[in-house]
Amino acid sequence: MNKDLNMKVNVLPVLTYGFLKVNDSTVSESDIKIDSFETPDAVKMPKGVDVRRGVDFTEAGEIFIRNKDRIMYTTGDFAGPNADTSGRNDGQAIRTGMGIDVDELMISAGAKCDVYTVEENVKVSEPVIIEYKMKDGEGCISSQVIHAKKDSEISVILVYESEKEFGGFHGISTRLLAEEGAKINIYKIQMLGDKFIHFDDIGGACFKGGSIGVTTLELGAEKTWAGCLVNLVEKDAELISNMGYLVRYNNFLDVNYIADQRGKNTNSVMHAKGVLMDSATKVFRGTIDFKNGSSGSAGDEQEDTLMLSPDVINRSMPVILCQEEDVDGRHGATIGQLGEDLLFYMQTRGIDEENAKRMMIRARLDSVARTIPDKELEQRVIFYIQNII
């Protein structure tokens, strides 16, 4: 199958000034080859996980549709902010960071979904590991639903990789549901070749006391779009996200992360750290949205970007939306180059500027890689980082 893509993605929850060029992004590609529509067999599948393979994308979303009123519940009828864009994604079974255009692509192309379910009170001790070994010129879209029932726990690692000089197309949709007291931790490591086009879309919901952890490393591909929206539906629900990225050459990375906090005493932490080199472009949107009824909630969104070239383009848009008074929201972005004082300090200890830069890149990316809950894969990713810088 060959498809032309024209998708509007990564739309801010509330639009801002157009000249900032951060309101949304467009995936516009012609004659994209797609020859695979399924998730590969898991490299590791621990006991306690039930898997249904090759499910229709729409059918796999029914678990979210059955719970949609609960997921989207809000107290009162507080008017939304001006330029609210949330209505464009009403047709999704569960809202995602990239939005409805990804769902429409999955449905129109006939992409299949694997559904991973953990029953009540089951704590899966080892991670599920799924690896995409992409060939040159190959195109793949696929989807997963991860459903953790009451008081259960599951970790899933998805790895996307190819040889450095390879190109192709790779698109992923992952939807998550953590019921009462359940924990889902998902890790996504992207090590695709320099000519790949890639998107990775995540949407999720947490019920009372539930927790979703999202850890991502964006290390390769020519063009990458990544989105994540997690709805903290009820009291004490939590989102912890941690992203690392390296954007080089003339490559492009566009990110949209949203914590939609509806329940009381919910908590979100969204941290991103990365490096821009050469003539790279990166857009990062991080939104904490305190909905009416989320009193006692806290949110923290921080980005740390190291720019190692005067030719890079960086756009960062930290946003807090608030319909409640009793909340604690913090956000910010630290953007800059290596300081002269730090370079001087390293040079006095025999470390030249190039090696100093490599050390700073590794420090940022290794700190994320070391959270991967599989030692063999952790070392593989760290070795990959060492070799690409």
Protein backbone atom coordinates (compact mmCIF):
# COMPACT_ATOMS: atom_id res chain seq x y z
CA MET A 1 0.00 0.00 0.00
CA ASN A 2 1.13 3.53 -0.83
CA LYS A 3 -0.52 6.53 0.82
CA ASP A 4 -0.29 10.30 0.72
CA LEU A 5 -0.29 11.74 4.24
CA ASN A 6 -1.73 15.12 5.15
CA MET A 7 -2.38 15.04 8.88
CA LYS A 8 -2.83 17.93 11.30
CA VAL A 9 -1.27 16.77 14.56
CA ASN A 10 0.05 17.94 17.94
CA VAL A 11 -2.55 20.69 18.27
CA LEU A 12 -2.23 22.81 21.42
CA PRO A 13 -5.25 22.46 23.75
CA VAL A 14 -5.67 26.24 23.48
CA LEU A 15 -4.33 28.19 20.52
CA THR A 16 -1.80 30.98 20.96
CA TYR A 17 -0.33 33.60 18.61
CA GLY A 18 0.12 32.16 15.12
CA PHE A 19 3.48 33.81 14.51
CA LEU A 20 5.02 31.60 17.22
CA LYS A 21 4.44 28.57 14.95
CA VAL A 22 3.57 26.22 17.81
CA ASN A 23 -0.22 25.84 17.56
CA ASP A 24 0.03 22.57 15.60
CA SER A 25 2.13 20.62 13.12
CA THR A 26 1.46 18.98 9.76
CA VAL A 27 2.58 15.57 8.57
CA SER A 28 2.66 16.06 4.80
CA GLU A 29 4.31 13.24 2.88
CA SER A 30 3.63 11.80 -0.58
CA ASP A 31 3.53 8.20 -1.76
CA ILE A 32 4.46 6.65 1.58
CA LYS A 33 4.94 2.91 1.35
CA ILE A 34 3.21 0.90 4.09
CA ASP A 35 3.66 -2.86 3.91
CA SER A 36 3.19 -3.94 7.53
CA PHE A 37 0.19 -3.31 9.78
CA GLU A 38 0.86 -5.41 12.87
CA THR A 39 2.91 -5.32 16.05
CA PRO A 40 5.81 -7.82 16.04
CA ASP A 41 5.79 -10.79 18.39
CA ALA A 42 7.09 -9.86 21.81
CA VAL A 43 10.73 -10.72 22.44
CA LYS A 44 9.82 -11.22 26.10
CA MET A 45 6.28 -12.01 27.29
CA PRO A 46 6.15 -12.65 31.04
CA LYS A 47 3.41 -14.64 32.74
CA GLY A 48 0.32 -12.76 33.83
CA VAL A 49 -0.28 -10.86 30.58
CA ASP A 50 -3.18 -11.85 28.34
CA VAL A 51 -2.70 -10.88 24.67
CA ARG A 52 -5.25 -10.58 21.87
CA ARG A 53 -3.46 -10.08 18.57
CA GLY A 54 -4.61 -8.53 15.31
CA VAL A 55 -7.70 -6.80 16.71
CA ASP A 56 -9.46 -4.19 14.57
CA PHE A 57 -8.35 -0.69 15.67
CA THR A 58 -11.90 0.51 16.34
CA GLU A 59 -12.87 -2.68 18.19
CA ALA A 60 -9.78 -2.39 20.41
CA GLY A 61 -10.95 1.09 21.47
CA GLU A 62 -14.28 -0.12 22.82
CA ILE A 63 -12.90 -0.39 26.37
CA PHE A 64 -12.40 3.39 26.30
CA ILE A 65 -15.78 4.11 24.71
CA ARG A 66 -17.54 2.12 27.46
CA ASN A 67 -15.80 4.32 30.02
CA LYS A 68 -15.92 7.61 28.09
CA ASP A 69 -18.42 9.39 30.37
CA ARG A 70 -16.27 8.46 33.34
CA ILE A 71 -13.04 9.50 31.65
CA MET A 72 -14.38 12.88 30.50
CA TYR A 73 -16.28 13.68 33.71
CA THR A 74 -15.96 17.18 35.07
CA THR A 75 -17.76 18.95 37.91
CA GLY A 76 -19.96 21.94 37.11
CA ASP A 77 -20.23 23.57 33.70
CA PHE A 78 -17.24 25.90 33.78
CA ALA A 79 -16.76 27.40 30.34
CA GLY A 80 -13.66 26.33 28.47
CA PRO A 81 -10.94 28.83 27.59
CA ASN A 82 -11.00 30.93 24.45
CA ALA A 83 -9.55 29.17 21.38
CA ASP A 84 -10.14 25.74 23.00
CA THR A 85 -9.31 23.03 20.44
CA SER A 86 -10.32 19.91 22.38
CA GLY A 87 -13.53 19.46 20.39
CA ARG A 88 -11.64 18.44 17.23
CA ASN A 89 -10.74 15.12 18.93
CA ASP A 90 -14.23 14.22 20.21
CA GLY A 91 -14.38 11.33 17.75
CA GLN A 92 -11.47 9.49 19.37
CA ALA A 93 -12.17 6.53 21.64
CA ILE A 94 -9.53 8.03 23.95
CA ARG A 95 -7.90 11.38 23.28
CA THR A 96 -4.23 11.25 22.35
CA GLY A 97 -1.37 13.72 22.13
CA MET A 98 -1.22 13.76 18.33
CA GLY A 99 -4.99 13.73 17.86
CA ILE A 100 -7.74 12.25 15.72
CA ASP A 101 -5.88 12.32 12.39
CA VAL A 102 -3.67 9.44 13.57
CA ASP A 103 -6.75 7.36 14.46
CA GLU A 104 -8.21 8.06 11.02
CA LEU A 105 -4.99 6.89 9.36
CA MET A 106 -4.98 3.69 11.42
CA ILE A 107 -8.60 2.94 10.50
CA SER A 108 -8.33 3.80 6.80
CA ALA A 109 -5.14 1.77 6.36
CA GLY A 110 -6.52 -1.26 8.23
CA ALA A 111 -3.86 -1.21 10.96
CA LYS A 112 -4.25 -3.95 13.55
CA CYS A 113 -4.07 -3.58 17.31
CA ASP A 114 -2.62 -5.92 19.93
CA VAL A 115 -4.44 -5.73 23.27
CA TYR A 116 -2.42 -6.51 26.42
CA THR A 117 -4.51 -7.08 29.55
CA VAL A 118 -3.47 -7.70 33.15
CA GLU A 119 -6.17 -9.04 35.46
CA GLU A 120 -7.02 -7.62 38.88
CA ASN A 121 -4.29 -7.81 41.57
CA VAL A 122 -1.73 -9.30 39.17
CA LYS A 123 1.72 -7.71 39.45
CA VAL A 124 3.79 -8.59 36.38
CA SER A 125 7.39 -8.57 37.59
CA GLU A 126 9.20 -8.53 34.22
CA PRO A 127 8.60 -6.12 31.33
CA VAL A 128 6.99 -7.04 28.04
CA ILE A 129 9.58 -6.26 25.32
CA ILE A 130 8.57 -5.59 21.71
CA GLU A 131 11.19 -4.80 19.06
CA TYR A 132 10.64 -3.37 15.59
CA LYS A 133 13.63 -4.27 13.37
CA MET A 134 13.01 -2.02 10.38
CA LYS A 135 14.50 -2.74 6.96
CA ASP A 136 15.53 -0.17 4.38
CA GLY A 137 12.51 1.17 2.50
CA GLU A 138 10.04 -0.59 4.80
CA GLY A 139 6.84 1.05 6.04
CA CYS A 140 4.92 -0.01 9.14
CA ILE A 141 1.95 1.25 11.15
CA SER A 142 0.61 -0.59 14.18
CA SER A 143 -1.23 -0.11 17.43
CA GLN A 144 -1.39 -1.37 20.99
CA VAL A 145 -3.88 -1.12 23.85
CA ILE A 146 -2.55 -1.76 27.36
CA HIS A 147 -5.25 -2.39 29.97
CA ALA A 148 -4.26 -2.77 33.62
CA LYS A 149 -7.23 -3.80 35.75
CA LYS A 150 -7.72 -2.89 39.40
CA ASP A 151 -4.52 -3.03 41.53
CA SER A 152 -2.45 -4.64 38.78
CA GLU A 153 0.96 -3.62 37.37
CA ILE A 154 2.60 -3.94 33.97
CA SER A 155 5.67 -2.52 32.21
CA VAL A 156 6.02 -2.52 28.41
CA ILE A 157 9.12 -1.61 26.39
CA LEU A 158 8.86 -0.81 22.67
CA VAL A 159 12.07 -0.48 20.65
CA TYR A 160 12.22 0.87 17.11
CA GLU A 161 15.55 0.51 15.31
CA SER A 162 17.28 0.10 11.98
CA GLU A 163 20.71 0.56 10.44
CA LYS A 164 21.88 4.18 10.54
CA GLU A 165 21.72 4.77 6.78
CA PHE A 166 18.25 3.22 6.33
CA GLY A 167 15.03 5.07 5.50
CA GLY A 168 11.33 4.27 5.56
CA PHE A 169 8.14 5.01 7.48
CA HIS A 170 7.11 3.98 10.99
CA GLY A 171 3.95 4.97 12.86
CA ILE A 172 2.68 3.83 16.26
CA SER A 173 -0.50 4.40 18.29
CA THR A 174 -0.53 3.24 21.92
CA ARG A 175 -3.58 3.61 24.17
CA LEU A 176 -3.49 2.99 27.93
CA LEU A 177 -6.09 2.38 30.65
CA ALA A 178 -5.06 2.10 34.32
CA GLU A 179 -8.00 1.20 36.53
CA GLU A 180 -8.20 1.84 40.30
CA GLY A 181 -4.78 1.44 41.91
CA ALA A 182 -3.24 0.02 38.73
CA LYS A 183 0.19 0.98 37.37
CA ILE A 184 1.33 1.08 33.74
CA ASN A 185 4.91 1.95 32.84
CA ILE A 186 5.70 2.27 29.15
CA TYR A 187 9.14 2.82 27.65
CA LYS A 188 9.68 3.80 24.01
CA ILE A 189 13.17 3.88 22.48
CA GLN A 190 13.51 5.22 18.94
CA MET A 191 16.81 4.41 17.19
CA LEU A 192 15.73 4.56 13.55
CA GLY A 193 17.92 5.38 10.57
CA ASP A 194 18.67 8.89 9.37
CA LYS A 195 16.11 8.78 6.53
CA PHE A 196 13.09 7.48 8.45
CA ILE A 197 9.82 9.33 8.96
CA HIS A 198 8.34 8.40 12.33
CA PHE A 199 5.37 9.22 14.54
CA ASP A 200 4.48 7.92 18.00
CA ASP A 201 1.08 8.71 19.52
CA ILE A 202 0.01 7.95 23.10
CA GLY A 203 -3.32 8.43 24.87
CA GLY A 204 -4.30 7.21 28.30
CA ALA A 205 -6.57 7.43 31.32
CA CYS A 206 -6.06 6.74 35.05
CA PHE A 207 -8.86 5.96 37.47
CA LYS A 208 -8.68 6.47 41.25
CA GLY A 209 -5.14 5.91 42.53
CA GLY A 210 -3.95 4.73 39.12
CA SER A 211 -0.56 5.62 37.69
CA ILE A 212 0.89 5.88 34.19
CA GLY A 213 4.61 6.31 33.58
CA VAL A 214 5.85 7.29 30.11
CA THR A 215 9.59 7.21 29.32
CA THR A 216 10.75 8.00 25.80
CA LEU A 217 14.06 8.40 23.99
CA GLU A 218 14.00 10.02 20.54
CA LEU A 219 17.47 9.40 19.10
CA GLY A 220 17.13 8.89 15.35
CA ALA A 221 14.92 9.44 12.27
CA GLU A 222 14.86 12.39 9.91
CA LYS A 223 11.39 13.59 10.92
CA THR A 224 9.64 12.67 14.16
CA TRP A 225 6.28 13.60 15.64
CA ALA A 226 5.47 12.49 19.21
CA GLY A 227 2.36 13.11 21.28
CA CYS A 228 1.06 12.01 24.67
CA LEU A 229 -2.15 12.93 26.47
CA VAL A 230 -3.01 11.27 29.77
CA ASN A 231 -6.32 11.96 31.51
CA LEU A 232 -6.04 11.83 35.30
CA VAL A 233 -9.67 11.04 35.84
CA GLU A 234 -10.11 10.51 39.57
CA LYS A 235 -8.59 11.18 42.97
CA ASP A 236 -4.86 10.46 43.44
CA ALA A 237 -4.26 9.51 39.80
CA GLU A 238 -0.72 10.19 38.56
CA LEU A 239 1.31 10.74 35.39
CA ILE A 240 5.12 10.63 35.42
CA SER A 241 6.77 11.27 32.05
CA ASN A 242 10.46 11.50 31.25
CA MET A 243 11.77 12.26 27.76
CA GLY A 244 15.27 12.42 26.30
CA TYR A 245 16.03 13.54 22.75
CA LEU A 246 18.92 14.12 20.38
CA VAL A 247 18.19 16.01 17.14
CA ARG A 248 21.06 16.39 14.65
CA TYR A 249 21.85 17.27 11.04
CA ASN A 250 18.79 18.87 9.41
CA ASN A 251 16.40 16.64 11.35
CA PHE A 252 13.06 17.61 12.87
CA LEU A 253 11.30 16.71 16.15
CA ASP A 254 7.80 17.90 17.10
CA VAL A 255 6.34 17.05 20.53
CA ASN A 256 2.99 17.60 22.26
CA TYR A 257 2.58 16.33 25.86
CA ILE A 258 -0.57 17.03 27.89
CA ALA A 259 -1.62 16.18 31.45
CA ASP A 260 -5.42 16.54 31.67
CA GLN A 261 -6.10 16.67 35.43
CA ARG A 262 -9.73 16.18 36.43
CA GLY A 263 -9.73 14.34 39.76
CA LYS A 264 -8.86 15.72 43.17
CA ASN A 265 -5.26 15.42 44.40
CA THR A 266 -3.94 14.24 41.05
CA ASN A 267 -0.26 14.67 40.23
CA SER A 268 1.64 15.13 36.98
CA VAL A 269 5.36 15.37 36.35
CA MET A 270 6.58 15.98 32.79
CA HIS A 271 10.33 16.36 32.33
CA ALA A 272 12.19 16.56 29.03
CA LYS A 273 15.90 17.00 28.41
CA GLY A 274 17.75 16.95 25.15
CA VAL A 275 20.34 18.26 22.73
CA LEU A 276 20.07 20.09 19.41
CA MET A 277 23.00 20.04 16.97
CA ASP A 278 23.90 21.17 13.44
CA SER A 279 20.77 22.65 11.75
CA ALA A 280 18.18 20.68 13.70
CA THR A 281 14.65 21.90 14.52
CA LYS A 282 12.67 20.98 17.62
CA VAL A 283 9.23 22.05 18.87
CA PHE A 284 8.14 21.06 22.38
CA ARG A 285 4.67 21.72 23.81
CA GLY A 286 4.04 20.75 27.42
CA THR A 287 0.59 21.47 28.89
CA ILE A 288 -0.76 21.00 32.41
CA ASP A 289 -4.54 21.39 32.33
CA PHE A 290 -6.24 21.69 35.73
CA LYS A 291 -9.90 21.03 35.02
CA ASN A 292 -12.78 22.16 37.24
CA GLY A 293 -12.91 19.66 40.14
CA SER A 294 -9.14 19.01 40.35
CA SER A 295 -8.60 20.81 43.68
CA GLY A 296 -5.53 19.73 45.62
CA SER A 297 -3.73 18.66 42.44
CA ALA A 298 -0.14 19.42 41.47
CA GLY A 299 1.68 19.58 38.15
CA ASP A 300 5.32 20.13 37.22
CA GLU A 301 6.51 20.52 33.61
CA GLN A 302 10.18 21.27 32.89
CA GLU A 303 12.35 21.18 29.78
CA ASP A 304 16.15 21.45 29.59
CA THR A 305 17.56 21.98 26.09
CA LEU A 306 21.25 22.18 25.23
CA MET A 307 21.93 23.88 21.90
CA LEU A 308 25.32 23.05 20.38
CA SER A 309 25.06 25.07 17.17
CA PRO A 310 24.01 28.63 16.27
CA ASP A 311 21.98 27.20 13.38
CA VAL A 312 19.47 25.14 15.38
CA ILE A 313 15.83 26.18 15.74
CA ASN A 314 14.20 25.63 19.12
CA ARG A 315 10.59 26.40 20.02
CA SER A 316 9.38 25.61 23.53
CA MET A 317 5.82 26.24 24.71
CA PRO A 318 5.17 25.41 28.38
CA VAL A 319 1.48 25.96 29.21
CA ILE A 320 -0.65 25.87 32.36
CA LEU A 321 -4.45 26.00 32.02
CA CYS A 322 -6.43 26.36 35.23
CA GLN A 323 -10.10 26.20 36.22
CA GLU A 324 -9.34 25.60 39.92
CA GLU A 325 -7.87 27.73 42.70
CA ASP A 326 -6.41 25.13 45.06
CA VAL A 327 -3.75 23.70 42.73
CA ASP A 328 0.04 23.84 42.50
CA GLY A 329 1.30 24.24 38.94
CA ARG A 330 4.92 24.83 37.91
CA HIS A 331 6.45 24.98 34.46
CA GLY A 332 9.55 26.26 32.74
CA ALA A 333 12.20 25.80 30.10
CA THR A 334 15.98 26.06 30.43
CA ILE A 335 17.57 26.68 27.04
CA GLY A 336 21.19 27.50 26.36
CA GLN A 337 24.66 26.58 25.24
CA LEU A 338 27.65 25.22 27.12
CA GLY A 339 28.85 27.99 29.42
CA GLU A 340 32.32 29.43 29.01
CA ASP A 341 33.05 28.80 32.70
CA LEU A 342 32.19 25.09 32.34
CA LEU A 343 34.31 24.76 29.19
CA PHE A 344 37.23 26.50 30.92
CA TYR A 345 36.88 24.21 33.94
CA MET A 346 36.97 21.10 31.73
CA GLN A 347 39.87 22.40 29.64
CA THR A 348 41.94 22.94 32.78
CA ARG A 349 41.49 19.23 33.40
CA GLY A 350 42.58 18.20 29.94
CA ILE A 351 39.12 17.86 28.34
CA ASP A 352 38.81 19.69 25.02
CA GLU A 353 35.60 21.31 23.78
CA GLU A 354 34.45 18.41 21.58
CA ASN A 355 34.86 15.86 24.36
CA ALA A 356 33.14 18.23 26.77
CA LYS A 357 30.15 18.37 24.41
CA ARG A 358 30.05 14.59 24.15
CA MET A 359 30.08 14.29 27.93
CA MET A 360 27.15 16.69 28.27
CA ILE A 361 25.15 14.86 25.58
CA ARG A 362 25.77 11.51 27.23
CA ALA A 363 24.88 12.85 30.68
CA ARG A 364 21.46 13.99 29.48
CA LEU A 365 20.58 10.89 27.48
CA ASP A 366 22.16 8.28 29.76
CA SER A 367 20.11 9.56 32.70
CA VAL A 368 16.95 8.54 30.81
CA ALA A 369 18.40 5.32 29.37
CA ARG A 370 19.33 4.07 32.84
CA THR A 371 15.65 3.95 33.84
CA ILE A 372 14.97 1.14 31.32
CA PRO A 373 13.92 -1.90 33.41
CA ASP A 374 15.94 -4.42 31.39
CA LYS A 375 19.71 -4.38 31.91
CA GLU A 376 20.63 -5.90 28.56
CA LEU A 377 18.51 -3.38 26.67
CA GLU A 378 19.72 -0.52 28.87
CA GLN A 379 23.34 -1.30 27.97
CA ARG A 380 22.43 -1.64 24.30
CA VAL A 381 20.87 1.82 24.27
CA ILE A 382 23.80 3.38 26.13
CA PHE A 383 26.20 1.79 23.64
CA TYR A 384 24.09 3.20 20.78
CA ILE A 385 24.29 6.69 22.31
CA GLN A 386 28.07 6.41 22.66
CA ASN A 387 28.41 5.49 19.00
CA ILE A 388 26.21 8.18 17.49
CA ILE A 389 27.95 11.07 19.22
